[in-house]
Amino acid sequence: MGMSAGGGGGLQSEINVTPMVDIMLVLLIIFMVVTPFLQQGVTVAIPRDMNSPDVDPAIIKESSVVVSIPADGQFYIGKDQVTKEDLGTRIDKMLKNKTEAEKIVYIKSGVGVAYGTVVDIINIIRKSGVDKIGLVADKKKKGAAAPAAG
């Protein structure tokens, strides 16, 4: 008849994709877990502005100098917490071997940080001989309502 009894030990000409799918799913899970840890620096809730310019691609480089101020009295360079007094010397060390065009310091300040604190940090950075200072802000989503003034 149509089928013969027994094992039918012939060769299969189809590709078994199950192991490949298993490997791809494991890789997907690994990338999903690792991706949040690749973020540089300290997370800061920064102000939003609708008309802010495009993001400078140099800010995400590992060699860029980013000063984060998540709250008054807390200062970070990258992920390292520093005191206000040590900020100038740390910036000098990081910018020592850079050309004038590469000497840019970015400041990420939290929403609740006092204006005077940010100005003090800008003055410290300028005393280190840096003329290019970038202030980081988030863009508002188009159509988002502005906060009510009152």
N, C-alpha and C. Protein backbone atom coordinates (compact mmCIF):
# COMPACT_ATOMS: atom_id res chain seq x y z
N MET A 1 0.82 -1.17 0.00
CA MET A 1 0.00 0.00 0.00
C MET A 1 0.87 1.24 0.00
N GLY A 2 0.33 2.33 0.50
CA GLY A 2 1.04 3.60 0.41
C GLY A 2 2.20 3.71 1.39
N MET A 3 2.09 3.11 2.55
CA MET A 3 3.14 3.26 3.56
C MET A 3 3.70 1.89 3.87
N SER A 4 4.97 1.88 4.11
CA SER A 4 5.58 0.60 4.48
C SER A 4 5.78 0.58 5.98
N ALA A 5 5.68 -0.58 6.56
CA ALA A 5 5.89 -0.72 7.99
C ALA A 5 7.38 -0.64 8.28
N GLY A 6 7.71 -0.17 9.44
CA GLY A 6 9.12 -0.08 9.79
C GLY A 6 9.53 1.37 9.97
N GLY A 7 10.78 1.55 10.22
CA GLY A 7 11.29 2.88 10.54
C GLY A 7 11.46 3.78 9.35
N GLY A 8 11.62 3.27 8.18
CA GLY A 8 11.86 4.12 7.02
C GLY A 8 13.09 4.97 7.23
N GLY A 9 14.25 4.38 7.29
CA GLY A 9 15.49 5.06 7.63
C GLY A 9 16.08 5.88 6.51
N GLY A 10 15.28 6.44 5.64
CA GLY A 10 15.83 7.24 4.55
C GLY A 10 16.29 8.61 5.02
N LEU A 11 17.05 9.32 4.19
CA LEU A 11 17.54 10.65 4.52
C LEU A 11 16.45 11.70 4.33
N GLN A 12 16.48 12.71 5.21
CA GLN A 12 15.55 13.82 5.09
C GLN A 12 16.23 14.95 4.33
N SER A 13 15.52 15.57 3.44
CA SER A 13 16.10 16.67 2.68
C SER A 13 15.65 18.03 3.19
N GLU A 14 14.92 18.10 4.31
CA GLU A 14 14.47 19.36 4.87
C GLU A 14 15.44 19.85 5.94
N ILE A 15 15.51 21.18 6.08
CA ILE A 15 16.37 21.77 7.10
C ILE A 15 15.58 21.86 8.40
N ASN A 16 16.21 21.45 9.49
CA ASN A 16 15.59 21.55 10.80
C ASN A 16 15.89 22.94 11.37
N VAL A 17 14.89 23.85 11.39
CA VAL A 17 15.10 25.24 11.81
C VAL A 17 14.88 25.46 13.31
N THR A 18 14.44 24.47 14.02
CA THR A 18 14.15 24.63 15.45
C THR A 18 15.38 25.08 16.24
N PRO A 19 16.56 24.48 16.07
CA PRO A 19 17.71 24.96 16.83
C PRO A 19 18.08 26.41 16.48
N MET A 20 17.93 26.79 15.23
CA MET A 20 18.25 28.17 14.84
C MET A 20 17.27 29.15 15.50
N VAL A 21 16.01 28.81 15.56
CA VAL A 21 15.01 29.67 16.20
C VAL A 21 15.32 29.79 17.69
N ASP A 22 15.72 28.71 18.32
CA ASP A 22 16.07 28.75 19.74
C ASP A 22 17.25 29.69 19.98
N ILE A 23 18.26 29.62 19.15
CA ILE A 23 19.43 30.48 19.30
C ILE A 23 19.04 31.94 19.10
N MET A 24 18.22 32.23 18.12
CA MET A 24 17.80 33.61 17.85
C MET A 24 16.99 34.19 19.02
N LEU A 25 16.14 33.37 19.62
CA LEU A 25 15.36 33.85 20.76
C LEU A 25 16.26 34.13 21.96
N VAL A 26 17.26 33.29 22.19
CA VAL A 26 18.19 33.52 23.29
C VAL A 26 18.98 34.81 23.05
N LEU A 27 19.45 35.03 21.81
CA LEU A 27 20.17 36.27 21.50
C LEU A 27 19.27 37.50 21.68
N LEU A 28 18.02 37.40 21.27
CA LEU A 28 17.09 38.51 21.44
C LEU A 28 16.93 38.86 22.91
N ILE A 29 16.77 37.87 23.75
CA ILE A 29 16.60 38.10 25.19
C ILE A 29 17.87 38.73 25.77
N ILE A 30 19.04 38.24 25.36
CA ILE A 30 20.30 38.79 25.86
C ILE A 30 20.41 40.27 25.49
N PHE A 31 20.11 40.62 24.24
CA PHE A 31 20.20 42.02 23.82
C PHE A 31 19.18 42.89 24.54
N MET A 32 18.00 42.35 24.81
CA MET A 32 16.98 43.13 25.52
C MET A 32 17.41 43.40 26.96
N VAL A 33 18.12 42.48 27.58
CA VAL A 33 18.56 42.66 28.96
C VAL A 33 19.77 43.59 29.03
N VAL A 34 20.68 43.49 28.08
CA VAL A 34 21.93 44.24 28.13
C VAL A 34 21.76 45.70 27.69
N THR A 35 20.86 45.99 26.78
CA THR A 35 20.71 47.33 26.20
C THR A 35 20.52 48.43 27.25
N PRO A 36 19.69 48.29 28.27
CA PRO A 36 19.56 49.39 29.25
C PRO A 36 20.85 49.72 29.99
N PHE A 37 21.78 48.77 30.09
CA PHE A 37 23.03 49.02 30.80
C PHE A 37 24.05 49.77 29.96
N LEU A 38 23.78 49.96 28.68
CA LEU A 38 24.72 50.65 27.80
C LEU A 38 24.60 52.16 27.88
N GLN A 39 23.61 52.67 28.60
CA GLN A 39 23.42 54.11 28.72
C GLN A 39 24.57 54.71 29.51
N GLN A 40 25.09 55.84 29.03
CA GLN A 40 26.21 56.51 29.66
C GLN A 40 25.73 57.48 30.73
N GLY A 41 26.50 57.61 31.79
CA GLY A 41 26.26 58.64 32.79
C GLY A 41 25.12 58.32 33.74
N VAL A 42 24.68 59.36 34.42
CA VAL A 42 23.64 59.27 35.44
C VAL A 42 22.33 59.74 34.83
N THR A 43 21.23 59.08 35.17
CA THR A 43 19.93 59.48 34.66
C THR A 43 19.47 60.74 35.37
N VAL A 44 19.13 61.77 34.59
CA VAL A 44 18.69 63.05 35.13
C VAL A 44 17.41 63.45 34.42
N ALA A 45 16.41 63.88 35.19
CA ALA A 45 15.18 64.39 34.59
C ALA A 45 15.47 65.81 34.12
N ILE A 46 15.72 65.97 32.81
CA ILE A 46 16.12 67.27 32.28
C ILE A 46 14.93 68.03 31.73
N PRO A 47 15.04 69.36 31.69
CA PRO A 47 13.92 70.18 31.19
C PRO A 47 13.62 69.88 29.73
N ARG A 48 12.38 70.14 29.33
CA ARG A 48 11.96 69.91 27.96
C ARG A 48 11.69 71.25 27.29
N ASP A 49 12.04 71.32 26.00
CA ASP A 49 11.80 72.55 25.24
C ASP A 49 11.40 72.15 23.83
N MET A 50 10.39 72.78 23.29
CA MET A 50 9.88 72.43 21.97
C MET A 50 10.83 72.85 20.86
N ASN A 51 11.53 73.96 21.03
CA ASN A 51 12.34 74.51 19.96
C ASN A 51 13.83 74.26 20.13
N SER A 52 14.21 73.27 20.93
CA SER A 52 15.63 73.01 21.12
C SER A 52 16.22 72.42 19.84
N PRO A 53 17.50 72.70 19.57
CA PRO A 53 18.13 72.20 18.35
C PRO A 53 18.32 70.70 18.41
N ASP A 54 18.76 70.14 17.29
CA ASP A 54 19.00 68.70 17.23
C ASP A 54 20.11 68.31 18.20
N VAL A 55 20.07 67.06 18.64
CA VAL A 55 21.04 66.55 19.60
C VAL A 55 22.41 66.46 18.94
N ASP A 56 23.43 66.92 19.66
CA ASP A 56 24.80 66.82 19.18
C ASP A 56 25.23 65.35 19.28
N PRO A 57 25.62 64.73 18.16
CA PRO A 57 25.98 63.31 18.21
C PRO A 57 27.21 63.04 19.06
N ALA A 58 28.01 64.06 19.37
CA ALA A 58 29.22 63.86 20.17
C ALA A 58 28.91 63.58 21.64
N ILE A 59 27.71 63.91 22.09
CA ILE A 59 27.39 63.75 23.51
C ILE A 59 27.34 62.28 23.94
N ILE A 60 27.05 61.38 23.01
CA ILE A 60 26.94 59.97 23.38
C ILE A 60 28.26 59.23 23.25
N LYS A 61 29.30 59.90 22.78
CA LYS A 61 30.61 59.26 22.70
C LYS A 61 31.14 59.01 24.10
N GLU A 62 31.90 57.94 24.24
CA GLU A 62 32.46 57.61 25.54
C GLU A 62 33.51 58.62 25.97
N SER A 63 34.16 59.28 25.01
CA SER A 63 35.22 60.23 25.33
C SER A 63 34.69 61.62 25.67
N SER A 64 33.38 61.86 25.50
CA SER A 64 32.84 63.19 25.78
C SER A 64 32.72 63.41 27.29
N VAL A 65 32.81 64.67 27.69
CA VAL A 65 32.74 65.04 29.10
C VAL A 65 31.33 65.55 29.38
N VAL A 66 30.59 64.82 30.22
CA VAL A 66 29.22 65.18 30.56
C VAL A 66 29.14 65.35 32.08
N VAL A 67 28.79 66.58 32.51
CA VAL A 67 28.60 66.86 33.93
C VAL A 67 27.10 66.77 34.21
N SER A 68 26.71 65.85 35.10
CA SER A 68 25.30 65.66 35.44
C SER A 68 25.04 66.23 36.83
N ILE A 69 23.92 66.95 36.95
CA ILE A 69 23.51 67.51 38.23
C ILE A 69 22.06 67.07 38.48
N PRO A 70 21.86 65.86 39.04
CA PRO A 70 20.49 65.39 39.25
C PRO A 70 19.75 66.15 40.35
N ALA A 71 20.47 66.67 41.34
CA ALA A 71 19.86 67.46 42.42
C ALA A 71 20.92 68.42 42.95
N ASP A 72 20.47 69.44 43.69
CA ASP A 72 21.43 70.40 44.25
C ASP A 72 22.45 69.68 45.12
N GLY A 73 23.71 69.96 44.90
CA GLY A 73 24.78 69.38 45.71
C GLY A 73 25.28 68.04 45.22
N GLN A 74 24.69 67.47 44.17
CA GLN A 74 25.15 66.20 43.61
C GLN A 74 25.74 66.48 42.23
N PHE A 75 26.99 66.08 42.03
CA PHE A 75 27.67 66.33 40.77
C PHE A 75 28.32 65.04 40.29
N TYR A 76 28.14 64.74 39.02
CA TYR A 76 28.70 63.53 38.42
C TYR A 76 29.43 63.90 37.14
N ILE A 77 30.53 63.22 36.88
CA ILE A 77 31.16 63.25 35.56
C ILE A 77 31.07 61.81 35.06
N GLY A 78 30.27 61.61 34.03
CA GLY A 78 29.96 60.24 33.60
C GLY A 78 29.12 59.59 34.68
N LYS A 79 29.61 58.49 35.26
CA LYS A 79 28.91 57.83 36.36
C LYS A 79 29.61 58.02 37.69
N ASP A 80 30.70 58.77 37.70
CA ASP A 80 31.49 58.98 38.91
C ASP A 80 31.03 60.24 39.64
N GLN A 81 30.66 60.08 40.92
CA GLN A 81 30.25 61.24 41.69
C GLN A 81 31.50 62.00 42.13
N VAL A 82 31.46 63.32 41.98
CA VAL A 82 32.59 64.17 42.36
C VAL A 82 32.07 65.32 43.21
N THR A 83 32.98 65.93 43.96
CA THR A 83 32.60 67.11 44.74
C THR A 83 32.75 68.34 43.85
N LYS A 84 32.12 69.41 44.28
CA LYS A 84 32.17 70.65 43.51
C LYS A 84 33.62 71.16 43.41
N GLU A 85 34.39 70.94 44.47
CA GLU A 85 35.77 71.41 44.50
C GLU A 85 36.66 70.61 43.54
N ASP A 86 36.39 69.33 43.34
CA ASP A 86 37.21 68.47 42.48
C ASP A 86 36.79 68.53 41.01
N LEU A 87 35.69 69.18 40.73
CA LEU A 87 35.14 69.20 39.38
C LEU A 87 36.12 69.80 38.37
N GLY A 88 36.73 70.92 38.71
CA GLY A 88 37.66 71.59 37.80
C GLY A 88 38.87 70.73 37.46
N THR A 89 39.46 70.10 38.46
CA THR A 89 40.65 69.27 38.21
C THR A 89 40.30 68.03 37.40
N ARG A 90 39.13 67.43 37.65
CA ARG A 90 38.72 66.25 36.87
C ARG A 90 38.48 66.61 35.41
N ILE A 91 37.87 67.78 35.17
CA ILE A 91 37.63 68.21 33.79
C ILE A 91 38.96 68.50 33.09
N ASP A 92 39.90 69.12 33.82
CA ASP A 92 41.24 69.38 33.24
C ASP A 92 41.91 68.08 32.81
N LYS A 93 41.83 67.05 33.65
CA LYS A 93 42.45 65.76 33.32
C LYS A 93 41.81 65.13 32.09
N MET A 94 40.49 65.22 32.00
CA MET A 94 39.79 64.57 30.89
C MET A 94 40.02 65.29 29.56
N LEU A 95 40.25 66.60 29.61
CA LEU A 95 40.42 67.38 28.38
C LEU A 95 41.88 67.63 28.03
N LYS A 96 42.80 67.07 28.80
CA LYS A 96 44.23 67.35 28.63
C LYS A 96 44.73 67.04 27.22
N ASN A 97 44.41 65.89 26.67
CA ASN A 97 44.95 65.46 25.37
C ASN A 97 44.02 65.73 24.20
N LYS A 98 43.05 66.61 24.37
CA LYS A 98 42.09 66.89 23.29
C LYS A 98 42.46 68.18 22.57
N THR A 99 42.07 68.26 21.31
CA THR A 99 42.31 69.48 20.54
C THR A 99 41.29 70.53 20.96
N GLU A 100 41.49 71.77 20.52
CA GLU A 100 40.56 72.85 20.88
C GLU A 100 39.15 72.58 20.37
N ALA A 101 39.03 71.96 19.20
CA ALA A 101 37.70 71.66 18.64
C ALA A 101 36.99 70.59 19.45
N GLU A 102 37.74 69.71 20.12
CA GLU A 102 37.13 68.63 20.89
C GLU A 102 36.85 69.01 22.34
N LYS A 103 37.30 70.18 22.78
CA LYS A 103 37.12 70.59 24.17
C LYS A 103 35.72 71.16 24.36
N ILE A 104 34.76 70.25 24.56
CA ILE A 104 33.37 70.61 24.81
C ILE A 104 32.93 69.88 26.07
N VAL A 105 32.26 70.59 26.96
CA VAL A 105 31.71 69.99 28.17
C VAL A 105 30.19 70.17 28.12
N TYR A 106 29.47 69.07 28.33
CA TYR A 106 28.00 69.10 28.33
C TYR A 106 27.50 69.08 29.76
N ILE A 107 26.44 69.83 30.02
CA ILE A 107 25.84 69.87 31.36
C ILE A 107 24.41 69.37 31.26
N LYS A 108 24.11 68.31 32.05
CA LYS A 108 22.74 67.80 32.19
C LYS A 108 22.29 68.17 33.60
N SER A 109 21.31 69.06 33.68
CA SER A 109 20.84 69.51 34.97
C SER A 109 19.39 69.07 35.16
N GLY A 110 19.07 68.63 36.38
CA GLY A 110 17.72 68.23 36.69
C GLY A 110 16.77 69.41 36.74
N VAL A 111 15.48 69.13 36.65
CA VAL A 111 14.47 70.17 36.63
C VAL A 111 14.46 70.97 37.94
N GLY A 112 14.69 70.32 39.06
CA GLY A 112 14.61 70.98 40.35
C GLY A 112 15.91 71.62 40.82
N VAL A 113 16.95 71.61 40.01
CA VAL A 113 18.24 72.17 40.41
C VAL A 113 18.18 73.70 40.31
N ALA A 114 18.73 74.36 41.31
CA ALA A 114 18.71 75.82 41.34
C ALA A 114 19.55 76.40 40.21
N TYR A 115 19.10 77.50 39.67
CA TYR A 115 19.79 78.18 38.58
C TYR A 115 21.21 78.56 38.99
N GLY A 116 21.37 79.00 40.23
CA GLY A 116 22.69 79.40 40.72
C GLY A 116 23.68 78.26 40.73
N THR A 117 23.22 77.05 40.99
CA THR A 117 24.09 75.88 40.99
C THR A 117 24.64 75.64 39.59
N VAL A 118 23.78 75.73 38.59
CA VAL A 118 24.21 75.53 37.20
C VAL A 118 25.20 76.62 36.80
N VAL A 119 24.95 77.85 37.19
CA VAL A 119 25.85 78.96 36.87
C VAL A 119 27.21 78.75 37.53
N ASP A 120 27.22 78.26 38.77
CA ASP A 120 28.49 77.97 39.46
C ASP A 120 29.29 76.92 38.68
N ILE A 121 28.61 75.88 38.20
CA ILE A 121 29.29 74.82 37.46
C ILE A 121 29.83 75.37 36.13
N ILE A 122 29.07 76.22 35.47
CA ILE A 122 29.54 76.85 34.23
C ILE A 122 30.80 77.67 34.51
N ASN A 123 30.83 78.41 35.62
CA ASN A 123 32.00 79.20 35.97
C ASN A 123 33.21 78.32 36.24
N ILE A 124 33.01 77.19 36.92
CA ILE A 124 34.11 76.26 37.19
C ILE A 124 34.66 75.71 35.88
N ILE A 125 33.77 75.36 34.96
CA ILE A 125 34.19 74.81 33.66
C ILE A 125 34.97 75.88 32.88
N ARG A 126 34.50 77.11 32.90
CA ARG A 126 35.20 78.19 32.17
C ARG A 126 36.57 78.47 32.77
N LYS A 127 36.71 78.35 34.08
CA LYS A 127 38.03 78.53 34.71
C LYS A 127 39.00 77.44 34.27
N SER A 128 38.46 76.28 33.82
CA SER A 128 39.31 75.20 33.32
C SER A 128 39.76 75.45 31.89
N GLY A 129 39.35 76.56 31.31
CA GLY A 129 39.78 76.90 29.96
C GLY A 129 38.88 76.38 28.86
N VAL A 130 37.66 76.00 29.19
CA VAL A 130 36.72 75.49 28.20
C VAL A 130 35.76 76.61 27.81
N ASP A 131 35.69 76.88 26.50
CA ASP A 131 34.78 77.91 26.02
C ASP A 131 33.48 77.33 25.48
N LYS A 132 33.51 76.07 25.07
CA LYS A 132 32.31 75.45 24.49
C LYS A 132 31.62 74.61 25.56
N ILE A 133 30.44 75.07 25.95
CA ILE A 133 29.65 74.37 26.97
C ILE A 133 28.27 74.12 26.38
N GLY A 134 27.84 72.86 26.43
CA GLY A 134 26.53 72.51 25.92
C GLY A 134 25.57 72.21 27.05
N LEU A 135 24.38 72.79 26.98
CA LEU A 135 23.32 72.51 27.95
C LEU A 135 22.35 71.54 27.31
N VAL A 136 22.10 70.42 27.98
CA VAL A 136 21.28 69.35 27.42
C VAL A 136 19.83 69.52 27.87
N ALA A 137 18.90 69.45 26.91
CA ALA A 137 17.47 69.52 27.21
C ALA A 137 16.74 68.51 26.33
N ASP A 138 15.64 67.97 26.82
CA ASP A 138 14.80 67.07 26.04
C ASP A 138 13.87 67.87 25.15
N LYS A 139 13.55 67.30 23.99
CA LYS A 139 12.54 67.94 23.15
C LYS A 139 11.16 67.51 23.60
N LYS A 140 10.21 68.45 23.56
CA LYS A 140 8.83 68.09 23.84
C LYS A 140 8.28 67.36 22.63
N LYS A 141 7.38 66.45 22.88
CA LYS A 141 6.73 65.76 21.77
C LYS A 141 5.78 66.74 21.10
N LYS A 142 5.68 66.67 19.80
CA LYS A 142 4.78 67.58 19.08
C LYS A 142 3.34 67.32 19.53
N GLY A 143 2.63 68.38 19.82
CA GLY A 143 1.24 68.24 20.24
C GLY A 143 1.08 68.11 21.73
N ALA A 144 2.20 68.04 22.50
CA ALA A 144 2.10 67.93 23.94
C ALA A 144 1.74 69.29 24.52
N ALA A 145 0.90 69.29 25.49
CA ALA A 145 0.44 70.55 26.10
C ALA A 145 1.55 71.12 26.95
N ALA A 146 1.70 72.44 26.90
CA ALA A 146 2.68 73.13 27.72
C ALA A 146 2.14 73.24 29.13
N PRO A 147 3.04 73.22 30.14
CA PRO A 147 2.56 73.35 31.50
C PRO A 147 1.94 74.71 31.73
N ALA A 148 0.88 74.74 32.52
CA ALA A 148 0.17 75.98 32.78
C ALA A 148 0.99 76.87 33.70
N ALA A 149 1.10 78.14 33.33
CA ALA A 149 1.83 79.10 34.16
C ALA A 149 0.83 79.73 35.13
N GLY A 150 1.24 79.90 36.31
CA GLY A 150 0.27 80.50 37.20
C GLY A 150 0.80 80.58 38.52
